[in-house]
Amino acid sequence: MSSRCVTRGSLGRFSRCLVLVLLASLALAGSEDGDVYETELLAQKEAYKSHMKAGDIDAAVAVLLPYVEQYANTVTAARLCEHIGQSYMQKKDYPAAIAVLSQAKDHAPDSQWAASAQELIAHCYMQMGNFPKTIETYQGLADSCTTPELWALARTAQQEIAWTYVQMGEFLKAIGQYRRVWVSFNYPDFEPSIDSTTFHQRIPWGGTPH
């Protein structure tokens, strides 16, 4: 198993996680628009869930699309854009996913949903093999995550930039980026090496910086 599999999991596992996260987040009602989820969107949960389980992504998306326009410029719309984008990612329709995920920032630019949508956009670019756009998107995400609740997302974005360089075969750039992560987030006792098969594993993923 590659170091990437050890640290990030397989694409199949990622896809399954997307479904679980998507369905779970539809059940939440914690934003200022939570009443929308309580009264209207949650009523559509079973239809959405049924379509997703059947693999009918287009039908699942059709359940949510009308509400994006209805609740434009709210956190609810941003959440829906993320859900719809994740649905397209299940279909591996990455251009469609990017298009709808990009709208989350328009609806609620300072929300956590807009930030997490940017992370998904970067992942889409990675899957498409567009590494320059992957790095650009992750860097933009890292630069925008200035509040404490988004700090972990900023760290992840910086780490993913390093991994993108590994995917490109730009190992010296990857090491340089890992060093910046190491210094910026104060990881103890870490020094990346030129060995591309092991240095990714040596980052204390998920650990707490000291």
Protein backbone atom coordinates (compact mmCIF):
# COMPACT_ATOMS: atom_id res chain seq x y z
CA MET A 1 0.00 0.00 0.00
CA SER A 2 1.35 3.43 -0.88
CA SER A 3 2.04 6.11 1.71
CA ARG A 4 -0.86 8.08 0.26
CA CYS A 5 -3.21 5.19 0.96
CA VAL A 6 -1.90 4.94 4.49
CA THR A 7 -2.41 8.60 5.23
CA ARG A 8 -5.41 9.56 3.14
CA GLY A 9 -7.30 6.35 2.27
CA SER A 10 -8.36 5.09 -1.13
CA LEU A 11 -10.53 7.05 -3.55
CA GLY A 12 -13.27 4.49 -2.98
CA ARG A 13 -13.21 5.18 0.72
CA PHE A 14 -13.23 8.92 0.00
CA SER A 15 -16.34 8.48 -2.15
CA ARG A 16 -18.15 6.52 0.54
CA CYS A 17 -17.24 9.17 3.09
CA LEU A 18 -18.68 11.86 0.85
CA VAL A 19 -22.06 10.14 0.88
CA LEU A 20 -22.03 9.73 4.65
CA VAL A 21 -20.95 13.32 5.27
CA LEU A 22 -23.51 14.62 2.82
CA LEU A 23 -26.41 12.73 4.36
CA ALA A 24 -25.33 13.57 7.89
CA SER A 25 -24.98 17.26 7.16
CA LEU A 26 -28.45 17.35 5.64
CA ALA A 27 -29.73 16.24 9.03
CA LEU A 28 -28.12 19.15 10.83
CA ALA A 29 -29.88 22.42 11.53
CA GLY A 30 -27.23 24.52 13.23
CA SER A 31 -26.95 27.59 10.99
CA GLU A 32 -29.01 30.74 11.09
CA ASP A 33 -31.11 29.14 8.37
CA GLY A 34 -31.68 25.98 10.40
CA ASP A 35 -35.44 26.42 10.27
CA VAL A 36 -35.27 25.87 6.51
CA TYR A 37 -33.77 22.45 7.08
CA GLU A 38 -36.28 21.66 9.78
CA THR A 39 -39.37 22.49 7.78
CA GLU A 40 -38.58 22.05 4.10
CA LEU A 41 -35.27 20.43 3.22
CA LEU A 42 -35.47 17.65 5.77
CA ALA A 43 -38.80 16.73 4.26
CA GLN A 44 -36.87 15.93 1.07
CA LYS A 45 -34.22 13.88 2.86
CA GLU A 46 -35.72 10.49 2.13
CA ALA A 47 -36.16 11.24 -1.57
CA TYR A 48 -32.58 12.49 -1.81
CA LYS A 49 -31.27 9.51 0.16
CA SER A 50 -33.20 7.06 -2.03
CA HIS A 51 -31.82 8.54 -5.24
CA MET A 52 -28.25 8.53 -3.91
CA LYS A 53 -28.49 4.89 -2.84
CA ALA A 54 -29.84 4.01 -6.27
CA GLY A 55 -26.95 5.83 -7.91
CA ASP A 56 -29.28 8.27 -9.65
CA ILE A 57 -27.18 11.37 -9.04
CA ASP A 58 -29.12 13.59 -11.41
CA ALA A 59 -32.39 12.85 -9.62
CA ALA A 60 -30.75 13.47 -6.25
CA VAL A 61 -29.43 16.82 -7.44
CA ALA A 62 -32.85 17.73 -8.83
CA VAL A 63 -34.30 17.39 -5.32
CA LEU A 64 -31.99 20.12 -3.99
CA LEU A 65 -31.53 22.51 -6.92
CA PRO A 66 -34.81 24.45 -6.51
CA TYR A 67 -33.85 25.44 -2.97
CA VAL A 68 -30.53 27.00 -4.04
CA GLU A 69 -32.39 29.70 -5.93
CA GLN A 70 -35.13 29.98 -3.34
CA TYR A 71 -32.65 30.66 -0.53
CA ALA A 72 -30.03 32.56 -2.55
CA ASN A 73 -27.42 34.56 -0.63
CA THR A 74 -27.87 32.61 2.59
CA VAL A 75 -25.88 29.97 4.42
CA THR A 76 -28.55 27.48 3.42
CA ALA A 77 -27.77 28.05 -0.26
CA ALA A 78 -24.04 27.64 0.41
CA ARG A 79 -24.69 24.35 2.21
CA LEU A 80 -26.83 23.14 -0.68
CA CYS A 81 -24.12 24.02 -3.19
CA GLU A 82 -21.69 21.87 -1.24
CA HIS A 83 -24.14 18.97 -1.09
CA ILE A 84 -24.84 19.17 -4.82
CA GLY A 85 -21.13 19.43 -5.58
CA GLN A 86 -20.46 16.31 -3.53
CA SER A 87 -23.18 14.52 -5.46
CA TYR A 88 -21.49 15.37 -8.77
CA MET A 89 -18.19 14.18 -7.31
CA GLN A 90 -19.83 10.81 -6.69
CA LYS A 91 -20.57 10.76 -10.40
CA LYS A 92 -16.97 11.85 -11.12
CA ASP A 93 -18.39 14.80 -13.02
CA TYR A 94 -15.73 17.14 -11.69
CA PRO A 95 -16.40 20.13 -13.98
CA ALA A 96 -20.05 20.16 -12.87
CA ALA A 97 -18.97 19.79 -9.24
CA ILE A 98 -16.57 22.74 -9.54
CA ALA A 99 -19.23 24.90 -11.16
CA VAL A 100 -21.74 24.44 -8.36
CA LEU A 101 -19.21 24.42 -5.51
CA SER A 102 -17.89 27.77 -6.74
CA GLN A 103 -21.32 29.26 -6.05
CA ALA A 104 -21.07 28.56 -2.31
CA LYS A 105 -18.73 31.52 -1.87
CA ASP A 106 -21.16 33.79 -3.70
CA HIS A 107 -24.00 32.84 -1.39
CA ALA A 108 -22.15 33.05 1.94
CA PRO A 109 -18.50 34.11 1.44
CA ASP A 110 -17.50 34.04 5.11
CA SER A 111 -19.15 30.75 6.03
CA GLN A 112 -17.50 27.44 6.81
CA TRP A 113 -19.48 25.95 3.94
CA ALA A 114 -17.81 28.27 1.44
CA ALA A 115 -14.39 27.31 2.82
CA SER A 116 -15.06 23.57 2.75
CA ALA A 117 -16.45 23.93 -0.77
CA GLN A 118 -13.09 25.38 -1.83
CA GLU A 119 -11.37 22.31 -0.40
CA LEU A 120 -13.65 20.10 -2.51
CA ILE A 121 -12.91 22.20 -5.60
CA ALA A 122 -9.20 21.63 -5.08
CA HIS A 123 -9.83 17.90 -4.77
CA CYS A 124 -11.74 17.99 -8.06
CA TYR A 125 -8.83 19.67 -9.81
CA MET A 126 -6.51 17.04 -8.36
CA GLN A 127 -8.67 14.24 -9.77
CA MET A 128 -8.68 15.99 -13.14
CA GLY A 129 -4.88 16.15 -13.09
CA ASN A 130 -4.87 19.95 -13.13
CA PHE A 131 -2.13 20.39 -10.55
CA PRO A 132 -1.53 24.14 -11.02
CA LYS A 133 -5.22 24.85 -10.31
CA THR A 134 -5.09 22.42 -7.39
CA ILE A 135 -2.24 24.38 -5.81
CA GLU A 136 -3.84 27.74 -6.62
CA THR A 137 -7.12 26.69 -5.01
CA TYR A 138 -5.52 25.23 -1.90
CA GLN A 139 -3.36 28.35 -1.49
CA GLY A 140 -6.39 30.60 -1.82
CA LEU A 141 -8.17 28.49 0.78
CA ALA A 142 -5.23 28.66 3.18
CA ASP A 143 -4.98 32.43 2.78
CA SER A 144 -8.70 32.88 3.46
CA CYS A 145 -8.83 30.72 6.60
CA THR A 146 -7.90 33.40 9.11
CA THR A 147 -10.43 32.70 11.87
CA PRO A 148 -9.73 30.14 14.63
CA GLU A 149 -12.52 27.79 13.57
CA LEU A 150 -10.94 27.46 10.11
CA TRP A 151 -7.36 27.02 11.31
CA ALA A 152 -7.39 23.23 10.84
CA LEU A 153 -8.64 23.68 7.27
CA ALA A 154 -5.78 26.09 6.55
CA ARG A 155 -3.30 23.51 7.80
CA THR A 156 -4.85 20.81 5.65
CA ALA A 157 -4.69 23.06 2.59
CA GLN A 158 -0.99 23.74 3.13
CA GLN A 159 -0.30 20.02 3.55
CA GLU A 160 -2.23 19.23 0.38
CA ILE A 161 -0.11 21.72 -1.57
CA ALA A 162 2.93 19.70 -0.55
CA TRP A 163 1.26 16.46 -1.58
CA THR A 164 0.34 17.95 -4.94
CA TYR A 165 4.02 18.69 -5.54
CA VAL A 166 4.73 15.03 -4.76
CA GLN A 167 2.16 14.00 -7.36
CA MET A 168 3.92 16.26 -9.85
CA GLY A 169 7.29 14.72 -9.08
CA GLU A 170 8.50 18.08 -7.72
CA PHE A 171 10.03 16.57 -4.61
CA LEU A 172 12.24 19.50 -3.64
CA LYS A 173 9.25 21.85 -3.82
CA ALA A 174 7.26 19.35 -1.77
CA ILE A 175 9.94 19.25 0.89
CA GLY A 176 10.08 23.04 0.95
CA GLN A 177 6.33 23.19 1.41
CA TYR A 178 6.40 20.58 4.16
CA ARG A 179 9.06 22.64 5.91
CA ARG A 180 6.78 25.67 5.78
CA VAL A 181 3.95 23.63 7.28
CA TRP A 182 6.33 22.37 9.94
CA VAL A 183 7.44 25.91 10.87
CA SER A 184 4.05 27.60 10.51
CA PHE A 185 2.17 25.08 12.64
CA ASN A 186 5.07 24.24 14.96
CA TYR A 187 5.23 20.46 14.56
CA PRO A 188 7.90 19.07 16.90
CA ASP A 189 10.70 16.74 15.80
CA PHE A 190 9.89 16.67 12.12
CA GLU A 191 12.33 17.08 9.28
CA PRO A 192 11.32 15.91 5.77
CA SER A 193 13.81 13.91 3.75
CA ILE A 194 14.32 13.51 0.02
CA ASP A 195 12.94 9.97 0.22
CA SER A 196 9.61 10.44 -1.55
CA THR A 197 8.31 7.06 -0.40
CA THR A 198 8.52 7.88 3.29
CA PHE A 199 8.58 11.57 4.06
CA HIS A 200 4.83 12.03 3.52
CA GLN A 201 4.19 9.47 6.24
CA ARG A 202 6.39 11.31 8.70
CA ILE A 203 4.07 14.30 8.96
CA PRO A 204 2.03 13.79 12.16
CA TRP A 205 -1.32 13.89 10.32
CA GLY A 206 -4.19 14.57 12.63
CA GLY A 207 -1.91 15.37 15.54
CA THR A 208 -2.08 18.49 17.59
CA PRO A 209 0.68 21.04 16.98
CA HIS A 210 2.69 22.07 20.01
